[in-house]
Amino acid sequence: MRRIHHLSFLAGIVLLTATAGAQDAATRVIKIPQQIFALPVCTAGASTMCLPPFIGAPAVAKPFPAEPVPEDPFMAPNGRSGVHLDAYQSDTYPIAGPLGHSPEVSSTFLAAECGTVTFDKHGRIIVVCAAKNRIAAYILDPVSLETLAKFNLPAQGGTGGFGAGGYFFLDNEDRAVIPTRGRDIWRIKEVNGPSGLQLVKDHTCADDLPSVIPNDQSILSTLPDAHGLLWFTTSGGTDPSDEPAMVGTAQPDPSNSDHCTVRLYTLPSGEAIVKSFAVDPDPSRGGVFIVSDHQLYRFDATADGSPLPTWAEQYDRGVRVKPGQITQGSGTTPTLMGTQFVTIADNADPRMHVNVYRRAVQTDKARLVCSEPVFQAFRSDTFNSLIATNRSISVENNYGYSDVLATFLGGTTQPGITRIDLDAGLNGCHTVWTNNKESVPNVVSQLSLVSGLEYTYTKDPGPGATDAWYFTAVDFHTSETVYKVLAGTGILYNSNYSSVYVGPEGKTAYVGVIGGLVRIHDTY
């Protein structure tokens, strides 16, 4: 995922509509407004040009074989804990997803982009939604999308963007651990008070973090390692004169709700971080895997909890900031594969590569296992995490998504979804298939291992000036598009580097969009 660009155009739309539609716990659910001049949705016997609400046919589940991703004991169960679903950042679900059986679509208009969706032990949604001058955590009913509780987060400070509040994880006690725009990390929890369900602040690092993070940086992401130590990254600057990014650990003090023991490691001058990171929750392997705009790192904690790089590998960061990215360098959160590998995409020209590395502290083989080129020459980049099992990888092409206007008035981006597998001997990799039919401007796609479907969010050109966004299911075995469901029309239905999610019951998907949250549900 990327930082949210608050263009004046987008900010004007959101601020204008927020006065009419922003919700709190006392209001009814309001649907996200559609594009005013969009083509009508097709009905039976329609004789004029219209938008089909459903394309394709219902899927038949075909499970995709993969080793399970280990659970992190300090996080909510896999599939419920964060934007990339688990500590590996695998973007894979160990549960079924919707098959396209008479799907119904609903939404809730929160006048903010709802990027990271998690699910508590009761199946309720906990989500953080961010606008230019507002950011809040919500508890939503997973069926009606009614707001059950709301908690305002700091709206000022740092550099803003998705990392300052968008990336968060749900821990094993249903507490949301959230980097804030105040260069702090807040932990908030659910309580049942006199007025009903509430979110309350449980712990912060206010005594320590804001004073050691530069004012022009944000805390991007935070995750616990194999021993429960909280790690975080800061953004840094891309100019050599800027302060570089930092990697840190924070140990909350149980006796002081505003104190953490903080230890920092500063990356080399000129290095920035714009993505989240991955951790191996198995203490026998461990490791925290972080990508800057220059290098891929493995970090481990020293005896006192200080972050220490155990290896670093430079990759081809390219020579330009491609349309679809905000920095020159990798646009992917590192993703762990099985027990041995970690994968990222580089930023090379003429073609971007998917790189796979051996992730152990020491290896007697070359650390780079393979580097597979993808998509068209000079038309390839991605700014979203790779989907990965222990053997297979999926990468989407985001080339052309320079900002929200790139998909406005019928525009779209370069098509492409590619699956890459490791070779049988695990010493190389190869392309299995490429789907060149679907354009995925910006969403974090997800794979259901039970359904065998990759769920994504696509946008075809037009028709005309209509902006139609579709929830799309692609057969992960064959690359074929199985079905598409019309989610909505217009800029408020743009996912803008949010994600697709599958609900715990396995028949529902959610998509975070600029206007709030969309729900797609199989009715049988």
Protein backbone atom coordinates (compact mmCIF):
# COMPACT_ATOMS: atom_id res chain seq x y z
CA MET A 1 0.00 0.00 0.00
CA ARG A 2 1.07 3.53 -0.46
CA ARG A 3 0.65 6.85 1.25
CA ILE A 4 -2.65 8.53 0.45
CA HIS A 5 -2.24 11.49 -1.91
CA HIS A 6 -4.51 14.28 -0.71
CA LEU A 7 -4.85 16.19 -3.95
CA SER A 8 -6.85 19.35 -3.64
CA PHE A 9 -9.35 17.84 -6.06
CA LEU A 10 -9.89 14.77 -3.90
CA ALA A 11 -9.87 16.75 -0.68
CA GLY A 12 -12.56 19.05 -2.06
CA ILE A 13 -14.80 16.13 -2.94
CA VAL A 14 -14.37 14.45 0.42
CA LEU A 15 -14.80 17.61 2.47
CA LEU A 16 -17.86 18.61 0.48
CA THR A 17 -19.55 15.26 0.88
CA ALA A 18 -18.42 14.73 4.47
CA THR A 19 -20.77 17.41 5.76
CA ALA A 20 -23.69 15.49 4.29
CA GLY A 21 -22.59 11.94 4.95
CA ALA A 22 -19.96 11.42 7.66
CA GLN A 23 -21.32 9.02 10.24
CA ASP A 24 -21.03 8.40 13.92
CA ALA A 25 -22.50 5.72 16.18
CA ALA A 26 -25.88 7.45 16.26
CA THR A 27 -26.52 7.69 12.51
CA ARG A 28 -27.97 5.26 10.03
CA VAL A 29 -25.84 3.63 7.36
CA ILE A 30 -25.58 5.81 4.26
CA LYS A 31 -24.49 4.27 0.97
CA ILE A 32 -21.44 5.66 -0.79
CA PRO A 33 -22.70 8.07 -3.49
CA GLN A 34 -22.38 6.92 -7.10
CA GLN A 35 -20.99 8.89 -10.04
CA ILE A 36 -23.75 11.32 -11.01
CA PHE A 37 -23.40 10.96 -14.79
CA ALA A 38 -22.51 7.23 -14.91
CA LEU A 39 -24.29 4.90 -17.30
CA PRO A 40 -27.25 3.11 -15.70
CA VAL A 41 -26.94 -0.43 -14.38
CA CYS A 42 -28.33 -2.99 -16.80
CA THR A 43 -31.70 -4.54 -16.10
CA ALA A 44 -33.51 -7.34 -17.89
CA GLY A 45 -34.28 -6.36 -21.48
CA ALA A 46 -32.17 -3.20 -21.40
CA SER A 47 -31.87 -1.79 -24.92
CA THR A 48 -29.38 1.02 -24.27
CA MET A 49 -25.73 1.00 -23.21
CA CYS A 50 -25.49 0.11 -19.52
CA LEU A 51 -23.24 -1.42 -16.86
CA PRO A 52 -23.69 -5.14 -16.20
CA PRO A 53 -23.97 -5.76 -12.44
CA PHE A 54 -22.43 -9.23 -12.86
CA ILE A 55 -20.07 -10.59 -15.50
CA GLY A 56 -19.10 -14.25 -15.86
CA ALA A 57 -20.49 -17.16 -13.89
CA PRO A 58 -20.36 -18.43 -10.30
CA ALA A 59 -17.14 -20.20 -9.42
CA VAL A 60 -16.59 -23.76 -8.30
CA ALA A 61 -14.13 -23.91 -5.42
CA LYS A 62 -10.81 -25.46 -6.39
CA PRO A 63 -8.48 -25.34 -3.37
CA PHE A 64 -4.92 -24.26 -4.08
CA PRO A 65 -2.25 -26.37 -2.32
CA ALA A 66 0.03 -24.48 0.05
CA GLU A 67 1.75 -24.89 3.38
CA PRO A 68 -0.03 -23.02 6.19
CA VAL A 69 1.36 -19.70 7.34
CA PRO A 70 2.35 -19.96 11.03
CA GLU A 71 0.17 -18.05 13.47
CA ASP A 72 1.73 -15.19 15.39
CA PRO A 73 0.72 -15.68 19.06
CA PHE A 74 0.84 -11.93 19.62
CA MET A 75 -1.55 -11.10 16.77
CA ALA A 76 -5.16 -11.89 15.98
CA PRO A 77 -5.61 -15.11 13.93
CA ASN A 78 -4.42 -15.19 10.34
CA GLY A 79 -6.88 -13.48 8.04
CA ARG A 80 -8.11 -11.14 10.78
CA SER A 81 -5.04 -9.26 11.96
CA GLY A 82 -4.04 -6.64 9.37
CA VAL A 83 -3.88 -5.42 5.81
CA HIS A 84 -1.71 -8.32 4.62
CA LEU A 85 -3.53 -10.86 6.81
CA ASP A 86 -0.66 -12.39 8.82
CA ALA A 87 2.90 -11.86 10.04
CA TYR A 88 4.29 -13.25 6.77
CA GLN A 89 2.34 -10.53 4.89
CA SER A 90 1.25 -13.37 2.62
CA ASP A 91 -2.09 -11.90 1.47
CA THR A 92 -3.49 -15.44 1.54
CA TYR A 93 -6.64 -16.61 3.32
CA PRO A 94 -6.91 -20.09 4.88
CA ILE A 95 -10.70 -19.80 4.46
CA ALA A 96 -13.14 -19.69 1.56
CA GLY A 97 -14.25 -16.52 -0.17
CA PRO A 98 -17.35 -15.56 -2.14
CA LEU A 99 -18.01 -17.69 -5.22
CA GLY A 100 -20.35 -15.28 -6.98
CA HIS A 101 -23.71 -16.81 -6.03
CA SER A 102 -26.21 -13.97 -6.65
CA PRO A 103 -23.96 -11.46 -4.88
CA GLU A 104 -25.44 -8.39 -3.24
CA VAL A 105 -23.50 -5.16 -2.80
CA SER A 106 -23.80 -2.63 0.02
CA SER A 107 -21.60 0.13 1.40
CA THR A 108 -21.14 2.62 4.21
CA PHE A 109 -20.16 6.20 3.49
CA LEU A 110 -17.59 7.39 6.04
CA ALA A 111 -16.10 10.18 3.88
CA ALA A 112 -12.65 8.72 4.44
CA GLU A 113 -10.49 5.95 3.01
CA CYS A 114 -10.81 2.74 5.02
CA GLY A 115 -7.52 0.98 4.32
CA THR A 116 -6.94 -1.75 6.90
CA VAL A 117 -9.83 -4.01 7.93
CA THR A 118 -9.51 -6.45 10.84
CA PHE A 119 -12.00 -8.70 12.62
CA ASP A 120 -12.33 -9.19 16.38
CA LYS A 121 -13.27 -12.42 18.19
CA HIS A 122 -16.96 -11.64 17.63
CA GLY A 123 -16.50 -11.17 13.89
CA ARG A 124 -16.99 -7.40 14.11
CA ILE A 125 -14.96 -5.15 11.86
CA ILE A 126 -12.29 -2.89 13.36
CA VAL A 127 -11.07 -0.43 10.73
CA VAL A 128 -9.14 2.83 10.58
CA CYS A 129 -10.43 5.37 8.04
CA ALA A 130 -8.38 8.43 7.07
CA ALA A 131 -9.19 11.72 5.36
CA LYS A 132 -7.01 14.80 5.03
CA ASN A 133 -7.93 16.36 8.38
CA ARG A 134 -9.73 13.46 10.05
CA ILE A 135 -8.74 9.96 11.07
CA ALA A 136 -10.72 7.57 13.22
CA ALA A 137 -11.01 3.93 14.24
CA TYR A 138 -14.42 2.31 13.93
CA ILE A 139 -16.14 -0.85 15.03
CA LEU A 140 -18.63 -1.81 12.32
CA ASP A 141 -21.29 -4.48 12.16
CA PRO A 142 -20.00 -6.93 9.50
CA VAL A 143 -23.47 -7.39 7.94
CA SER A 144 -25.25 -4.03 8.15
CA LEU A 145 -22.00 -1.96 8.25
CA GLU A 146 -23.58 0.07 11.07
CA THR A 147 -21.11 2.05 13.14
CA LEU A 148 -21.05 0.48 16.62
CA ALA A 149 -18.26 2.63 18.04
CA LYS A 150 -15.90 5.36 16.88
CA PHE A 151 -12.59 6.64 18.27
CA ASN A 152 -10.88 9.75 16.92
CA LEU A 153 -7.13 9.50 16.35
CA PRO A 154 -4.64 12.40 16.09
CA ALA A 155 -5.25 14.24 12.82
CA GLN A 156 -2.13 16.43 12.81
CA GLY A 157 1.63 15.87 12.89
CA GLY A 158 4.25 13.93 10.98
CA THR A 159 3.91 13.75 7.21
CA GLY A 160 0.44 12.21 7.22
CA GLY A 161 -0.16 9.56 4.61
CA PHE A 162 -1.35 5.99 4.86
CA GLY A 163 1.34 4.86 7.25
CA ALA A 164 0.34 7.35 9.91
CA GLY A 165 -2.74 5.43 11.02
CA GLY A 166 -3.54 3.32 7.98
CA TYR A 167 -1.19 0.46 8.76
CA PHE A 168 -2.11 -1.16 12.06
CA PHE A 169 -2.51 -4.65 13.46
CA LEU A 170 -5.02 -6.29 15.76
CA ASP A 171 -3.31 -8.14 18.60
CA ASN A 172 -4.24 -11.39 20.33
CA GLU A 173 -6.45 -9.50 22.82
CA ASP A 174 -8.45 -7.65 20.16
CA ARG A 175 -6.50 -4.43 20.74
CA ALA A 176 -5.66 -2.28 17.72
CA VAL A 177 -2.02 -1.17 17.72
CA ILE A 178 -1.90 1.95 15.56
CA PRO A 179 0.89 4.31 14.46
CA THR A 180 -0.55 7.84 14.71
CA ARG A 181 0.06 11.12 12.94
CA GLY A 182 1.50 12.38 16.22
CA ARG A 183 4.58 10.13 15.73
CA ASP A 184 3.36 7.79 18.43
CA ILE A 185 1.96 4.26 18.69
CA TRP A 186 -1.44 3.95 20.37
CA ARG A 187 -3.07 0.77 21.57
CA ILE A 188 -6.86 0.96 21.78
CA LYS A 189 -9.27 -1.66 23.07
CA GLU A 190 -12.95 -2.49 23.13
CA VAL A 191 -14.93 -1.96 26.33
CA ASN A 192 -18.59 -2.26 27.18
CA GLY A 193 -19.45 0.95 29.04
CA PRO A 194 -22.68 2.48 30.33
CA SER A 195 -23.45 3.83 26.87
CA GLY A 196 -22.60 0.57 25.11
CA LEU A 197 -19.62 -0.64 23.11
CA GLN A 198 -16.69 1.79 23.05
CA LEU A 199 -13.08 2.07 21.93
CA VAL A 200 -10.70 3.51 24.53
CA LYS A 201 -7.00 4.28 24.63
CA ASP A 202 -5.12 1.54 26.46
CA HIS A 203 -1.44 2.46 26.00
CA THR A 204 0.82 4.89 24.12
CA CYS A 205 4.52 5.71 23.83
CA ALA A 206 3.83 9.44 24.24
CA ASP A 207 6.66 9.96 26.75
CA ASP A 208 9.25 8.57 24.37
CA LEU A 209 8.48 8.25 20.65
CA PRO A 210 7.42 11.76 19.51
CA SER A 211 10.62 13.30 20.86
CA VAL A 212 12.93 10.96 18.93
CA ILE A 213 11.11 10.84 15.56
CA PRO A 214 11.86 13.89 13.33
CA ASN A 215 8.89 16.20 12.79
CA ASP A 216 8.95 15.61 9.04
CA GLN A 217 8.70 11.82 9.37
CA SER A 218 5.87 9.43 10.12
CA ILE A 219 5.80 6.07 11.86
CA LEU A 220 4.71 3.84 9.01
CA SER A 221 3.97 0.41 10.40
CA THR A 222 4.31 -1.70 13.52
CA LEU A 223 4.30 -5.46 14.16
CA PRO A 224 5.40 -7.83 16.95
CA ASP A 225 8.32 -10.20 16.37
CA ALA A 226 8.59 -13.85 17.36
CA HIS A 227 9.12 -12.88 21.01
CA GLY A 228 6.43 -10.20 21.20
CA LEU A 229 8.81 -7.25 20.89
CA LEU A 230 7.09 -4.40 19.03
CA TRP A 231 8.94 -3.23 15.91
CA PHE A 232 8.23 -0.11 13.87
CA THR A 233 9.61 1.79 10.88
CA THR A 234 9.70 5.49 10.01
CA SER A 235 9.40 7.06 6.57
CA GLY A 236 12.64 8.97 6.13
CA GLY A 237 13.29 11.25 3.18
CA THR A 238 14.26 10.58 -0.42
CA ASP A 239 16.60 13.58 -0.70
CA PRO A 240 20.19 13.04 0.56
CA SER A 241 19.76 16.10 2.78
CA ASP A 242 16.72 14.57 4.49
CA GLU A 243 16.91 12.46 7.62
CA PRO A 244 17.01 8.79 6.59
CA ALA A 245 14.41 6.25 7.68
CA MET A 246 14.71 4.49 11.02
CA VAL A 247 13.92 1.02 12.30
CA GLY A 248 12.92 0.82 15.94
CA THR A 249 11.65 -1.36 18.75
CA ALA A 250 9.27 -0.26 21.48
CA GLN A 251 8.62 -2.22 24.64
CA PRO A 252 5.43 -0.93 26.37
CA ASP A 253 5.78 -0.35 30.12
CA PRO A 254 2.90 -2.17 31.89
CA SER A 255 3.21 0.19 34.87
CA ASN A 256 3.08 3.43 32.88
CA SER A 257 0.44 3.78 30.16
CA ASP A 258 2.44 6.45 28.29
CA HIS A 259 5.93 4.95 28.45
CA CYS A 260 7.84 2.58 26.17
CA THR A 261 11.47 1.59 26.08
CA VAL A 262 12.50 2.71 22.58
CA ARG A 263 15.61 1.71 20.67
CA LEU A 264 16.46 2.95 17.16
CA TYR A 265 18.62 2.05 14.19
CA THR A 266 19.12 4.67 11.47
CA LEU A 267 19.42 3.53 7.86
CA PRO A 268 22.12 4.95 5.57
CA SER A 269 21.72 8.52 4.35
CA GLY A 270 19.13 8.97 1.63
CA GLU A 271 17.16 5.78 2.32
CA ALA A 272 13.41 6.00 2.75
CA ILE A 273 10.77 3.43 3.67
CA VAL A 274 7.27 3.56 2.22
CA LYS A 275 6.01 0.02 2.86
CA SER A 276 5.18 -2.22 5.79
CA PHE A 277 7.39 -5.16 6.78
CA ALA A 278 7.20 -8.89 7.54
CA VAL A 279 8.18 -11.00 10.55
CA ASP A 280 8.69 -14.72 11.02
CA PRO A 281 6.76 -15.65 14.18
CA ASP A 282 8.68 -18.92 14.64
CA PRO A 283 11.34 -18.24 17.32
CA SER A 284 13.59 -20.94 15.84
CA ARG A 285 13.92 -18.85 12.67
CA GLY A 286 12.88 -15.31 13.58
CA GLY A 287 13.79 -12.25 11.57
CA VAL A 288 12.18 -8.92 10.66
CA PHE A 289 12.26 -8.16 6.91
CA ILE A 290 12.22 -4.53 5.81
CA VAL A 291 12.62 -2.96 2.38
CA SER A 292 13.88 0.57 1.83
CA ASP A 293 14.00 2.33 -1.53
CA HIS A 294 17.54 0.94 -1.93
CA GLN A 295 17.88 -2.38 -0.09
CA LEU A 296 16.13 -5.38 1.38
CA TYR A 297 17.12 -6.02 5.01
CA ARG A 298 16.84 -8.70 7.61
CA PHE A 299 16.87 -7.36 11.17
CA ASP A 300 17.07 -9.21 14.48
CA ALA A 301 16.97 -7.91 18.04
CA THR A 302 20.06 -7.84 20.22
CA ALA A 303 19.93 -8.93 23.86
CA ASP A 304 18.67 -5.52 24.99
CA GLY A 305 16.03 -5.32 22.23
CA SER A 306 17.98 -3.04 19.87
CA PRO A 307 17.34 -3.56 16.15
CA LEU A 308 20.39 -4.89 14.30
CA PRO A 309 20.65 -5.63 10.55
CA THR A 310 21.87 -9.20 10.00
CA TRP A 311 22.04 -8.88 6.24
CA ALA A 312 21.22 -6.38 3.49
CA GLU A 313 20.85 -6.87 -0.25
CA GLN A 314 20.75 -4.10 -2.82
CA TYR A 315 18.30 -4.50 -5.70
CA ASP A 316 17.76 -2.68 -9.00
CA ARG A 317 15.89 0.43 -7.87
CA GLY A 318 15.60 1.77 -11.40
CA VAL A 319 16.23 5.27 -12.67
CA ARG A 320 12.82 6.91 -12.28
CA VAL A 321 9.69 7.17 -10.22
CA LYS A 322 7.23 5.28 -12.39
CA PRO A 323 3.56 6.27 -12.60
CA GLY A 324 2.00 4.03 -9.99
CA GLN A 325 4.66 4.65 -7.34
CA ILE A 326 5.63 7.56 -5.09
CA THR A 327 9.32 6.75 -4.74
CA GLN A 328 12.07 5.27 -6.87
CA GLY A 329 12.50 1.78 -5.52
CA SER A 330 10.56 -1.31 -4.56
CA GLY A 331 6.83 -0.81 -4.12
CA THR A 332 6.22 -4.05 -2.24
CA THR A 333 6.07 -5.00 1.39
CA PRO A 334 8.41 -8.02 1.82
CA THR A 335 6.49 -11.30 1.82
CA LEU A 336 7.77 -14.51 3.43
CA MET A 337 7.47 -17.85 1.63
CA GLY A 338 7.48 -21.09 3.62
CA THR A 339 10.47 -21.50 5.91
CA GLN A 340 13.25 -20.36 3.56
CA PHE A 341 12.42 -17.42 1.32
CA VAL A 342 11.38 -13.76 1.18
CA THR A 343 10.18 -11.97 -1.96
CA ILE A 344 9.88 -8.38 -3.22
CA ALA A 345 9.56 -6.66 -6.59
CA ASP A 346 12.29 -4.30 -7.78
CA ASN A 347 11.87 -1.14 -9.90
CA ALA A 348 13.98 -2.05 -12.92
CA ASP A 349 13.52 -0.92 -16.50
CA PRO A 350 12.71 -2.01 -19.09
CA ARG A 351 10.84 -4.61 -17.01
CA MET A 352 10.24 -4.91 -13.30
CA HIS A 353 11.38 -8.17 -11.68
CA VAL A 354 10.02 -10.32 -8.88
CA ASN A 355 13.00 -11.26 -6.72
CA VAL A 356 13.19 -14.19 -4.31
CA TYR A 357 15.89 -14.34 -1.61
CA ARG A 358 17.06 -16.87 0.96
CA ARG A 359 16.15 -15.33 4.28
CA ALA A 360 18.31 -17.25 6.79
CA VAL A 361 20.92 -15.28 8.70
CA GLN A 362 23.66 -17.22 6.93
CA THR A 363 23.60 -19.21 3.71
CA ASP A 364 26.25 -21.03 1.69
CA LYS A 365 24.31 -20.32 -1.52
CA ALA A 366 23.67 -17.09 -3.36
CA ARG A 367 21.13 -15.06 -1.38
CA LEU A 368 19.22 -14.10 -4.55
CA VAL A 369 17.40 -17.22 -5.74
CA CYS A 370 15.83 -15.73 -8.86
CA SER A 371 14.77 -12.49 -10.54
CA GLU A 372 11.82 -12.95 -12.91
CA PRO A 373 10.87 -10.10 -15.32
CA VAL A 374 7.16 -9.30 -15.61
CA PHE A 375 4.77 -7.24 -17.78
CA GLN A 376 5.51 -5.08 -20.81
CA ALA A 377 8.74 -3.21 -21.36
CA PHE A 378 8.68 0.27 -19.83
CA ARG A 379 5.09 -0.39 -18.67
CA SER A 380 5.61 -2.29 -15.41
CA ASP A 381 5.50 -1.39 -11.74
CA THR A 382 3.62 -2.32 -8.63
CA PHE A 383 3.03 -0.54 -5.37
CA ASN A 384 1.30 -3.39 -3.58
CA SER A 385 2.46 -6.39 -1.64
CA LEU A 386 2.94 -9.63 -3.56
CA ILE A 387 0.63 -12.54 -2.83
CA ALA A 388 2.78 -15.54 -1.90
CA THR A 389 2.43 -19.13 -0.76
CA ASN A 390 5.44 -21.32 -0.02
CA ARG A 391 5.87 -21.92 -3.78
CA SER A 392 3.74 -19.43 -5.77
CA ILE A 393 3.71 -15.63 -6.14
CA SER A 394 1.18 -13.27 -7.72
CA VAL A 395 2.09 -9.73 -8.80
CA GLU A 396 -0.22 -7.07 -10.24
CA ASN A 397 0.67 -4.22 -12.59
CA ASN A 398 -0.15 -0.74 -11.23
CA TYR A 399 1.67 1.14 -14.01
CA GLY A 400 -0.16 4.34 -14.88
CA TYR A 401 -1.80 5.09 -11.54
CA SER A 402 -0.07 8.43 -11.03
CA ASP A 403 -2.90 9.71 -8.80
CA VAL A 404 -6.68 9.44 -8.46
CA LEU A 405 -7.18 11.40 -11.68
CA ALA A 406 -5.53 8.59 -13.67
CA THR A 407 -8.74 6.55 -13.36
CA PHE A 408 -11.11 9.51 -13.63
CA LEU A 409 -13.57 10.09 -16.49
CA GLY A 410 -13.11 6.63 -17.96
CA GLY A 411 -9.34 6.33 -17.53
CA THR A 412 -7.55 3.22 -16.37
CA THR A 413 -4.06 1.73 -16.05
CA GLN A 414 -1.86 -0.88 -17.74
CA PRO A 415 -3.34 -4.39 -17.37
CA GLY A 416 -1.60 -7.41 -15.94
CA ILE A 417 -1.60 -10.04 -13.20
CA THR A 418 1.21 -12.62 -13.29
CA ARG A 419 1.78 -15.82 -11.33
CA ILE A 420 5.35 -16.99 -10.74
CA ASP A 421 6.36 -20.32 -9.18
CA LEU A 422 9.60 -21.52 -7.69
CA ASP A 423 11.27 -24.24 -9.74
CA ALA A 424 11.16 -27.82 -8.51
CA GLY A 425 14.68 -27.64 -7.11
CA LEU A 426 13.99 -24.30 -5.32
CA ASN A 427 16.97 -22.72 -7.06
CA GLY A 428 15.09 -20.60 -9.59
CA CYS A 429 11.62 -19.47 -10.63
CA HIS A 430 9.47 -19.17 -13.74
CA THR A 431 6.30 -17.48 -14.97
CA VAL A 432 3.25 -19.77 -14.92
CA TRP A 433 0.67 -17.43 -16.44
CA THR A 434 -0.22 -13.81 -17.10
CA ASN A 435 -3.73 -12.36 -17.22
CA ASN A 436 -3.58 -9.36 -19.57
CA LYS A 437 -7.32 -8.74 -19.54
CA GLU A 438 -7.67 -7.11 -16.14
CA SER A 439 -6.43 -3.67 -15.08
CA VAL A 440 -5.79 -3.43 -11.33
CA PRO A 441 -5.02 0.25 -10.72
CA ASN A 442 -4.12 0.09 -7.04
CA VAL A 443 -5.79 -2.47 -4.76
CA VAL A 444 -4.05 -5.00 -2.48
CA SER A 445 -5.35 -8.26 -3.94
CA GLN A 446 -5.84 -11.41 -1.85
CA LEU A 447 -5.92 -15.17 -2.49
CA SER A 448 -8.33 -17.65 -0.92
CA LEU A 449 -6.54 -20.98 -0.70
CA VAL A 450 -9.87 -22.74 -0.16
CA SER A 451 -11.69 -21.19 -3.12
CA GLY A 452 -8.60 -21.11 -5.35
CA LEU A 453 -9.53 -17.57 -6.37
CA GLU A 454 -7.49 -14.39 -6.35
CA TYR A 455 -9.77 -11.53 -5.35
CA THR A 456 -8.94 -8.15 -6.81
CA TYR A 457 -10.58 -4.84 -7.78
CA THR A 458 -10.49 -3.84 -11.41
CA LYS A 459 -11.42 -0.99 -13.71
CA ASP A 460 -11.92 -1.26 -17.47
CA PRO A 461 -11.62 1.79 -19.74
CA GLY A 462 -14.89 3.73 -19.62
CA PRO A 463 -17.38 3.14 -21.07
CA GLY A 464 -17.18 6.80 -22.04
CA ALA A 465 -16.66 8.97 -18.97
CA THR A 466 -18.15 6.36 -16.60
CA ASP A 467 -15.83 5.06 -13.86
CA ALA A 468 -17.03 1.55 -13.05
CA TRP A 469 -15.17 -0.42 -10.36
CA TYR A 470 -15.57 -4.20 -10.19
CA PHE A 471 -14.81 -6.76 -7.49
CA THR A 472 -13.13 -9.45 -9.57
CA ALA A 473 -12.31 -13.14 -9.01
CA VAL A 474 -9.45 -14.72 -11.01
CA ASP A 475 -8.77 -18.47 -11.09
CA PHE A 476 -5.35 -18.81 -9.46
CA HIS A 477 -4.78 -22.14 -11.22
CA THR A 478 -5.42 -20.93 -14.77
CA SER A 479 -5.41 -17.06 -14.85
CA GLU A 480 -8.98 -16.92 -16.19
CA THR A 481 -11.31 -14.22 -14.92
CA VAL A 482 -14.21 -16.16 -13.39
CA TYR A 483 -16.63 -13.39 -12.42
CA LYS A 484 -16.89 -9.66 -11.76
CA VAL A 485 -19.35 -7.79 -9.52
CA LEU A 486 -20.05 -4.08 -9.99
CA ALA A 487 -19.06 -2.43 -6.70
CA GLY A 488 -19.90 1.14 -7.68
CA THR A 489 -19.15 4.06 -9.94
CA GLY A 490 -17.13 7.21 -9.44
CA ILE A 491 -14.10 8.45 -7.56
CA LEU A 492 -15.47 7.52 -4.12
CA TYR A 493 -15.32 3.84 -5.17
CA ASN A 494 -11.61 4.11 -6.05
CA SER A 495 -9.65 1.77 -3.74
CA ASN A 496 -6.55 4.05 -3.84
CA TYR A 497 -4.15 1.41 -2.45
CA SER A 498 -6.56 -0.01 0.08
CA SER A 499 -7.26 -3.74 0.13
CA VAL A 500 -9.71 -6.53 -0.55
CA TYR A 501 -10.74 -8.58 2.52
CA VAL A 502 -12.68 -11.79 3.10
CA GLY A 503 -15.01 -12.02 6.11
CA PRO A 504 -14.53 -14.81 8.67
CA GLU A 505 -17.67 -16.66 7.54
CA GLY A 506 -16.23 -17.10 4.04
CA LYS A 507 -19.07 -15.76 1.89
CA THR A 508 -18.38 -12.04 2.11
CA ALA A 509 -15.71 -9.71 0.77
CA TYR A 510 -14.97 -6.10 1.67
CA VAL A 511 -13.08 -3.42 -0.23
CA GLY A 512 -11.72 -0.24 1.35
CA VAL A 513 -12.37 2.76 -0.90
CA ILE A 514 -11.98 6.52 -0.78
CA GLY A 515 -15.57 6.95 0.39
CA GLY A 516 -15.58 4.24 3.06
CA LEU A 517 -16.17 0.48 2.85
CA VAL A 518 -17.92 -1.74 0.28
CA ARG A 519 -19.39 -5.17 1.10
CA ILE A 520 -19.95 -7.95 -1.48
CA HIS A 521 -21.91 -10.94 -0.16
CA ASP A 522 -22.96 -14.28 -1.67
CA THR A 523 -26.68 -14.69 -0.97
CA TYR A 524 -26.53 -18.48 -1.12
